[in-house]
Amino acid sequence: MSKNQHVTPHPDGGWQVKGAGNSRATVRTDTQYDAIAIGREIARNQHSELVIHGTDGRIRVKDSYGNDPFPPKG
């Protein structure tokens, strides 16, 4: 199973992309925009979900790039 990728503020400043359950960041960037772009690419490659957090740490957006277990009809 692929790990979801989380874009969160880095404790020392900037932003980080971190796989779910990982203790260390995969990558650290200066801007949230850059972290989202990198996290999106990783999530696409791993067929997982990208979870974008705000500056307060709360989840803002979730984007799925995997095989959804219950895809919507339509």
PDB file of N, CA and C in Angstrom:
ATOM      1  N   MET A   1       0.839  -1.186   0.000  1.00  0.00           N
ATOM      2  CA  MET A   1       0.000   0.000   0.000  1.00  0.00           C
ATOM      3  C   MET A   1       0.887   1.254   0.000  1.00  0.00           C
ATOM      4  N   SER A   2       0.535   2.232  -0.803  1.00  0.00           N
ATOM      5  CA  SER A   2       1.314   3.463  -0.904  1.00  0.00           C
ATOM      6  C   SER A   2       0.998   4.392   0.256  1.00  0.00           C
ATOM      7  N   LYS A   3       1.981   5.177   0.620  1.00  0.00           N
ATOM      8  CA  LYS A   3       1.802   6.126   1.715  1.00  0.00           C
ATOM      9  C   LYS A   3       1.221   7.431   1.187  1.00  0.00           C
ATOM     10  N   ASN A   4       0.256   7.963   1.924  1.00  0.00           N
ATOM     11  CA  ASN A   4      -0.253   9.285   1.592  1.00  0.00           C
ATOM     12  C   ASN A   4       0.851  10.298   1.842  1.00  0.00           C
ATOM     13  N   GLN A   5       0.866  11.350   1.034  1.00  0.00           N
ATOM     14  CA  GLN A   5       1.863  12.405   1.144  1.00  0.00           C
ATOM     15  C   GLN A   5       1.219  13.622   1.792  1.00  0.00           C
ATOM     16  N   HIS A   6       1.883  14.167   2.807  1.00  0.00           N
ATOM     17  CA  HIS A   6       1.357  15.321   3.529  1.00  0.00           C
ATOM     18  C   HIS A   6       2.253  16.531   3.293  1.00  0.00           C
ATOM     19  N   VAL A   7       1.641  17.655   2.938  1.00  0.00           N
ATOM     20  CA  VAL A   7       2.350  18.932   2.815  1.00  0.00           C
ATOM     21  C   VAL A   7       2.040  19.710   4.088  1.00  0.00           C
ATOM     22  N   THR A   8       3.079  19.949   4.892  1.00  0.00           N
ATOM     23  CA  THR A   8       2.900  20.609   6.187  1.00  0.00           C
ATOM     24  C   THR A   8       3.976  21.669   6.396  1.00  0.00           C
ATOM     25  N   PRO A   9       3.713  22.621   7.311  1.00  0.00           N
ATOM     26  CA  PRO A   9       4.765  23.570   7.653  1.00  0.00           C
ATOM     27  C   PRO A   9       5.935  22.827   8.300  1.00  0.00           C
ATOM     28  N   HIS A  10       7.161  23.222   7.965  1.00  0.00           N
ATOM     29  CA  HIS A  10       8.347  22.625   8.589  1.00  0.00           C
ATOM     30  C   HIS A  10       8.626  23.371   9.894  1.00  0.00           C
ATOM     31  N   PRO A  11       8.996  22.673  10.958  1.00  0.00           N
ATOM     32  CA  PRO A  11       9.231  23.333  12.253  1.00  0.00           C
ATOM     33  C   PRO A  11      10.291  24.434  12.209  1.00  0.00           C
ATOM     34  N   ASP A  12      11.269  24.315  11.299  1.00  0.00           N
ATOM     35  CA  ASP A  12      12.336  25.317  11.219  1.00  0.00           C
ATOM     36  C   ASP A  12      12.083  26.362  10.137  1.00  0.00           C
ATOM     37  N   GLY A  13      10.867  26.404   9.615  1.00  0.00           N
ATOM     38  CA  GLY A  13      10.520  27.357   8.563  1.00  0.00           C
ATOM     39  C   GLY A  13      10.388  26.673   7.222  1.00  0.00           C
ATOM     40  N   GLY A  14       9.604  27.253   6.350  1.00  0.00           N
ATOM     41  CA  GLY A  14       9.358  26.663   5.045  1.00  0.00           C
ATOM     42  C   GLY A  14       8.304  25.574   5.126  1.00  0.00           C
ATOM     43  N   TRP A  15       8.296  24.716   4.127  1.00  0.00           N
ATOM     44  CA  TRP A  15       7.289  23.658   4.015  1.00  0.00           C
ATOM     45  C   TRP A  15       7.963  22.333   3.740  1.00  0.00           C
ATOM     46  N   GLN A  16       7.266  21.246   4.059  1.00  0.00           N
ATOM     47  CA  GLN A  16       7.825  19.924   3.839  1.00  0.00           C
ATOM     48  C   GLN A  16       6.788  18.991   3.233  1.00  0.00           C
ATOM     49  N   VAL A  17       7.291  17.992   2.515  1.00  0.00           N
ATOM     50  CA  VAL A  17       6.476  16.888   2.022  1.00  0.00           C
ATOM     51  C   VAL A  17       6.929  15.677   2.818  1.00  0.00           C
ATOM     52  N   LYS A  18       5.958  15.008   3.444  1.00  0.00           N
ATOM     53  CA  LYS A  18       6.287  13.913   4.335  1.00  0.00           C
ATOM     54  C   LYS A  18       5.331  12.758   4.080  1.00  0.00           C
ATOM     55  N   GLY A  19       5.860  11.560   3.893  1.00  0.00           N
ATOM     56  CA  GLY A  19       5.028  10.381   3.741  1.00  0.00           C
ATOM     57  C   GLY A  19       4.370  10.036   5.065  1.00  0.00           C
ATOM     58  N   ALA A  20       3.131   9.549   5.033  1.00  0.00           N
ATOM     59  CA  ALA A  20       2.405   9.188   6.252  1.00  0.00           C
ATOM     60  C   ALA A  20       3.217   8.181   7.050  1.00  0.00           C
ATOM     61  N   GLY A  21       3.413   8.475   8.329  1.00  0.00           N
ATOM     62  CA  GLY A  21       4.138   7.579   9.214  1.00  0.00           C
ATOM     63  C   GLY A  21       5.647   7.760   9.202  1.00  0.00           C
ATOM     64  N   ASN A  22       6.168   8.559   8.293  1.00  0.00           N
ATOM     65  CA  ASN A  22       7.614   8.801   8.239  1.00  0.00           C
ATOM     66  C   ASN A  22       8.019   9.789   9.329  1.00  0.00           C
ATOM     67  N   SER A  23       9.201   9.604   9.889  1.00  0.00           N
ATOM     68  CA  SER A  23       9.679  10.531  10.901  1.00  0.00           C
ATOM     69  C   SER A  23      10.420  11.713  10.277  1.00  0.00           C
ATOM     70  N   ARG A  24      10.908  11.527   9.042  1.00  0.00           N
ATOM     71  CA  ARG A  24      11.642  12.601   8.370  1.00  0.00           C
ATOM     72  C   ARG A  24      10.922  13.031   7.097  1.00  0.00           C
ATOM     73  N   ALA A  25      11.134  14.281   6.736  1.00  0.00           N
ATOM     74  CA  ALA A  25      10.533  14.820   5.519  1.00  0.00           C
ATOM     75  C   ALA A  25      11.222  14.241   4.285  1.00  0.00           C
ATOM     76  N   THR A  26      10.448  14.018   3.236  1.00  0.00           N
ATOM     77  CA  THR A  26      10.995  13.591   1.957  1.00  0.00           C
ATOM     78  C   THR A  26      11.731  14.752   1.306  1.00  0.00           C
ATOM     79  N   VAL A  27      11.128  15.942   1.393  1.00  0.00           N
ATOM     80  CA  VAL A  27      11.730  17.144   0.820  1.00  0.00           C
ATOM     81  C   VAL A  27      11.262  18.357   1.621  1.00  0.00           C
ATOM     82  N   ARG A  28      12.099  19.384   1.656  1.00  0.00           N
ATOM     83  CA  ARG A  28      11.770  20.646   2.318  1.00  0.00           C
ATOM     84  C   ARG A  28      11.911  21.768   1.304  1.00  0.00           C
ATOM     85  N   THR A  29      10.934  22.678   1.274  1.00  0.00           N
ATOM     86  CA  THR A  29      10.952  23.790   0.322  1.00  0.00           C
ATOM     87  C   THR A  29      10.722  25.109   1.052  1.00  0.00           C
ATOM     88  N   ASP A  30      10.958  26.199   0.343  1.00  0.00           N
ATOM     89  CA  ASP A  30      10.717  27.520   0.919  1.00  0.00           C
ATOM     90  C   ASP A  30       9.249  27.919   0.848  1.00  0.00           C
ATOM     91  N   THR A  31       8.529  27.413  -0.172  1.00  0.00           N
ATOM     92  CA  THR A  31       7.139  27.822  -0.357  1.00  0.00           C
ATOM     93  C   THR A  31       6.192  26.623  -0.333  1.00  0.00           C
ATOM     94  N   GLN A  32       4.965  26.885   0.060  1.00  0.00           N
ATOM     95  CA  GLN A  32       3.952  25.840   0.045  1.00  0.00           C
ATOM     96  C   GLN A  32       3.662  25.416  -1.395  1.00  0.00           C
ATOM     97  N   TYR A  33       3.681  26.351  -2.299  1.00  0.00           N
ATOM     98  CA  TYR A  33       3.424  26.064  -3.710  1.00  0.00           C
ATOM     99  C   TYR A  33       4.386  24.996  -4.241  1.00  0.00           C
ATOM    100  N   ASP A  34       5.684  25.161  -3.952  1.00  0.00           N
ATOM    101  CA  ASP A  34       6.684  24.187  -4.396  1.00  0.00           C
ATOM    102  C   ASP A  34       6.468  22.828  -3.739  1.00  0.00           C
ATOM    103  N   ALA A  35       6.146  22.837  -2.452  1.00  0.00           N
ATOM    104  CA  ALA A  35       5.912  21.580  -1.732  1.00  0.00           C
ATOM    105  C   ALA A  35       4.698  20.844  -2.304  1.00  0.00           C
ATOM    106  N   ILE A  36       3.658  21.578  -2.656  1.00  0.00           N
ATOM    107  CA  ILE A  36       2.462  20.967  -3.241  1.00  0.00           C
ATOM    108  C   ILE A  36       2.797  20.334  -4.591  1.00  0.00           C
ATOM    109  N   ALA A  37       3.557  21.030  -5.414  1.00  0.00           N
ATOM    110  CA  ALA A  37       3.923  20.496  -6.733  1.00  0.00           C
ATOM    111  C   ALA A  37       4.722  19.202  -6.596  1.00  0.00           C
ATOM    112  N   ILE A  38       5.682  19.164  -5.681  1.00  0.00           N
ATOM    113  CA  ILE A  38       6.493  17.966  -5.471  1.00  0.00           C
ATOM    114  C   ILE A  38       5.646  16.856  -4.861  1.00  0.00           C
ATOM    115  N   GLY A  39       4.844  17.191  -3.863  1.00  0.00           N
ATOM    116  CA  GLY A  39       3.981  16.203  -3.220  1.00  0.00           C
ATOM    117  C   GLY A  39       2.978  15.603  -4.191  1.00  0.00           C
ATOM    118  N   ARG A  40       2.445  16.425  -5.089  1.00  0.00           N
ATOM    119  CA  ARG A  40       1.489  15.946  -6.094  1.00  0.00           C
ATOM    120  C   ARG A  40       2.151  14.929  -7.024  1.00  0.00           C
ATOM    121  N   GLU A  41       3.365  15.214  -7.446  1.00  0.00           N
ATOM    122  CA  GLU A  41       4.090  14.294  -8.326  1.00  0.00           C
ATOM    123  C   GLU A  41       4.373  12.962  -7.615  1.00  0.00           C
ATOM    124  N   ILE A  42       4.786  13.024  -6.360  1.00  0.00           N
ATOM    125  CA  ILE A  42       5.034  11.795  -5.595  1.00  0.00           C
ATOM    126  C   ILE A  42       3.746  10.999  -5.430  1.00  0.00           C
ATOM    127  N   ALA A  43       2.651  11.678  -5.093  1.00  0.00           N
ATOM    128  CA  ALA A  43       1.366  10.999  -4.907  1.00  0.00           C
ATOM    129  C   ALA A  43       0.893  10.350  -6.213  1.00  0.00           C
ATOM    130  N   ARG A  44       1.089  11.027  -7.323  1.00  0.00           N
ATOM    131  CA  ARG A  44       0.718  10.444  -8.625  1.00  0.00           C
ATOM    132  C   ARG A  44       1.536   9.187  -8.906  1.00  0.00           C
ATOM    133  N   ASN A  45       2.833   9.263  -8.676  1.00  0.00           N
ATOM    134  CA  ASN A  45       3.708   8.122  -8.935  1.00  0.00           C
ATOM    135  C   ASN A  45       3.387   6.939  -8.038  1.00  0.00           C
ATOM    136  N   GLN A  46       2.973   7.208  -6.809  1.00  0.00           N
ATOM    137  CA  GLN A  46       2.688   6.139  -5.845  1.00  0.00           C
ATOM    138  C   GLN A  46       1.212   5.747  -5.816  1.00  0.00           C
ATOM    139  N   HIS A  47       0.396   6.424  -6.617  1.00  0.00           N
ATOM    140  CA  HIS A  47      -1.059   6.186  -6.626  1.00  0.00           C
ATOM    141  C   HIS A  47      -1.630   6.307  -5.210  1.00  0.00           C
ATOM    142  N   SER A  48      -1.301   7.408  -4.567  1.00  0.00           N
ATOM    143  CA  SER A  48      -1.746   7.641  -3.201  1.00  0.00           C
ATOM    144  C   SER A  48      -2.492   8.963  -3.114  1.00  0.00           C
ATOM    145  N   GLU A  49      -2.660   9.470  -1.909  1.00  0.00           N
ATOM    146  CA  GLU A  49      -3.413  10.698  -1.689  1.00  0.00           C
ATOM    147  C   GLU A  49      -2.469  11.809  -1.248  1.00  0.00           C
ATOM    148  N   LEU A  50      -2.739  13.017  -1.728  1.00  0.00           N
ATOM    149  CA  LEU A  50      -2.001  14.200  -1.304  1.00  0.00           C
ATOM    150  C   LEU A  50      -2.873  14.950  -0.305  1.00  0.00           C
ATOM    151  N   VAL A  51      -2.334  15.199   0.884  1.00  0.00           N
ATOM    152  CA  VAL A  51      -3.056  15.901   1.939  1.00  0.00           C
ATOM    153  C   VAL A  51      -2.326  17.212   2.195  1.00  0.00           C
ATOM    154  N   ILE A  52      -3.006  18.329   1.931  1.00  0.00           N
ATOM    155  CA  ILE A  52      -2.393  19.647   2.071  1.00  0.00           C
ATOM    156  C   ILE A  52      -2.906  20.296   3.356  1.00  0.00           C
ATOM    157  N   HIS A  53      -1.960  20.654   4.230  1.00  0.00           N
ATOM    158  CA  HIS A  53      -2.281  21.290   5.504  1.00  0.00           C
ATOM    159  C   HIS A  53      -2.015  22.793   5.408  1.00  0.00           C
ATOM    160  N   GLY A  54      -2.735  23.576   6.191  1.00  0.00           N
ATOM    161  CA  GLY A  54      -2.520  25.015   6.253  1.00  0.00           C
ATOM    162  C   GLY A  54      -1.442  25.352   7.258  1.00  0.00           C
ATOM    163  N   THR A  55      -1.183  26.633   7.456  1.00  0.00           N
ATOM    164  CA  THR A  55      -0.155  27.073   8.397  1.00  0.00           C
ATOM    165  C   THR A  55      -0.492  26.680   9.830  1.00  0.00           C
ATOM    166  N   ASP A  56      -1.769  26.481  10.118  1.00  0.00           N
ATOM    167  CA  ASP A  56      -2.190  26.069  11.458  1.00  0.00           C
ATOM    168  C   ASP A  56      -2.137  24.553  11.650  1.00  0.00           C
ATOM    169  N   GLY A  57      -1.744  23.819  10.603  1.00  0.00           N
ATOM    170  CA  GLY A  57      -1.641  22.373  10.682  1.00  0.00           C
ATOM    171  C   GLY A  57      -2.913  21.624  10.330  1.00  0.00           C
ATOM    172  N   ARG A  58      -4.018  22.341  10.174  1.00  0.00           N
ATOM    173  CA  ARG A  58      -5.290  21.697   9.839  1.00  0.00           C
ATOM    174  C   ARG A  58      -5.339  21.357   8.352  1.00  0.00           C
ATOM    175  N   ILE A  59      -6.025  20.271   8.036  1.00  0.00           N
ATOM    176  CA  ILE A  59      -6.137  19.841   6.642  1.00  0.00           C
ATOM    177  C   ILE A  59      -6.984  20.842   5.863  1.00  0.00           C
ATOM    178  N   ARG A  60      -6.439  21.283   4.726  1.00  0.00           N
ATOM    179  CA  ARG A  60      -7.155  22.200   3.828  1.00  0.00           C
ATOM    180  C   ARG A  60      -7.788  21.457   2.672  1.00  0.00           C
ATOM    181  N   VAL A  61      -6.999  20.566   2.046  1.00  0.00           N
ATOM    182  CA  VAL A  61      -7.444  19.897   0.818  1.00  0.00           C
ATOM    183  C   VAL A  61      -6.881  18.483   0.788  1.00  0.00           C
ATOM    184  N   LYS A  62      -7.652  17.566   0.185  1.00  0.00           N
ATOM    185  CA  LYS A  62      -7.164  16.214  -0.089  1.00  0.00           C
ATOM    186  C   LYS A  62      -7.389  15.934  -1.566  1.00  0.00           C
ATOM    187  N   ASP A  63      -6.348  15.428  -2.235  1.00  0.00           N
ATOM    188  CA  ASP A  63      -6.446  15.039  -3.641  1.00  0.00           C
ATOM    189  C   ASP A  63      -6.021  13.587  -3.748  1.00  0.00           C
ATOM    190  N   SER A  64      -6.862  12.756  -4.373  1.00  0.00           N
ATOM    191  CA  SER A  64      -6.559  11.345  -4.514  1.00  0.00           C
ATOM    192  C   SER A  64      -6.025  11.057  -5.907  1.00  0.00           C
ATOM    193  N   TYR A  65      -4.910  10.332  -5.962  1.00  0.00           N
ATOM    194  CA  TYR A  65      -4.306   9.927  -7.227  1.00  0.00           C
ATOM    195  C   TYR A  65      -4.191   8.408  -7.299  1.00  0.00           C
ATOM    196  N   GLY A  66      -4.957   7.733  -6.455  1.00  0.00           N
ATOM    197  CA  GLY A  66      -4.877   6.284  -6.390  1.00  0.00           C
ATOM    198  C   GLY A  66      -6.124   5.625  -6.912  1.00  0.00           C
ATOM    199  N   ASN A  67      -6.230   4.361  -6.621  1.00  0.00           N
ATOM    200  CA  ASN A  67      -7.407   3.599  -6.993  1.00  0.00           C
ATOM    201  C   ASN A  67      -8.429   3.725  -5.870  1.00  0.00           C
ATOM    202  N   ASP A  68      -9.379   4.612  -6.045  1.00  0.00           N
ATOM    203  CA  ASP A  68     -10.387   4.825  -5.015  1.00  0.00           C
ATOM    204  C   ASP A  68     -11.226   3.559  -4.853  1.00  0.00           C
ATOM    205  N   PRO A  69     -11.443   3.128  -3.615  1.00  0.00           N
ATOM    206  CA  PRO A  69     -12.219   1.913  -3.403  1.00  0.00           C
ATOM    207  C   PRO A  69     -13.681   2.059  -3.813  1.00  0.00           C
ATOM    208  N   PHE A  70     -14.221   3.258  -3.735  1.00  0.00           N
ATOM    209  CA  PHE A  70     -15.611   3.492  -4.104  1.00  0.00           C
ATOM    210  C   PHE A  70     -15.699   4.703  -5.017  1.00  0.00           C
ATOM    211  N   PRO A  71     -15.296   4.571  -6.281  1.00  0.00           N
ATOM    212  CA  PRO A  71     -15.328   5.730  -7.173  1.00  0.00           C
ATOM    213  C   PRO A  71     -16.765   6.178  -7.437  1.00  0.00           C
ATOM    214  N   PRO A  72     -16.966   7.462  -7.530  1.00  0.00           N
ATOM    215  CA  PRO A  72     -18.318   7.958  -7.799  1.00  0.00           C
ATOM    216  C   PRO A  72     -18.789   7.568  -9.193  1.00  0.00           C
ATOM    217  N   LYS A  73     -20.074   7.333  -9.310  1.00  0.00           N
ATOM    218  CA  LYS A  73     -20.646   7.003 -10.634  1.00  0.00           C
ATOM    219  C   LYS A  73     -20.918   8.293 -11.385  1.00  0.00           C
ATOM    220  N   GLY A  74     -20.825   8.221 -12.690  1.00  0.00           N
ATOM    221  CA  GLY A  74     -21.186   9.386 -13.456  1.00  0.00           C
ATOM    222  C   GLY A  74     -20.235   9.642 -14.504  1.00  0.00           C
TER     223      GLY A  74
END
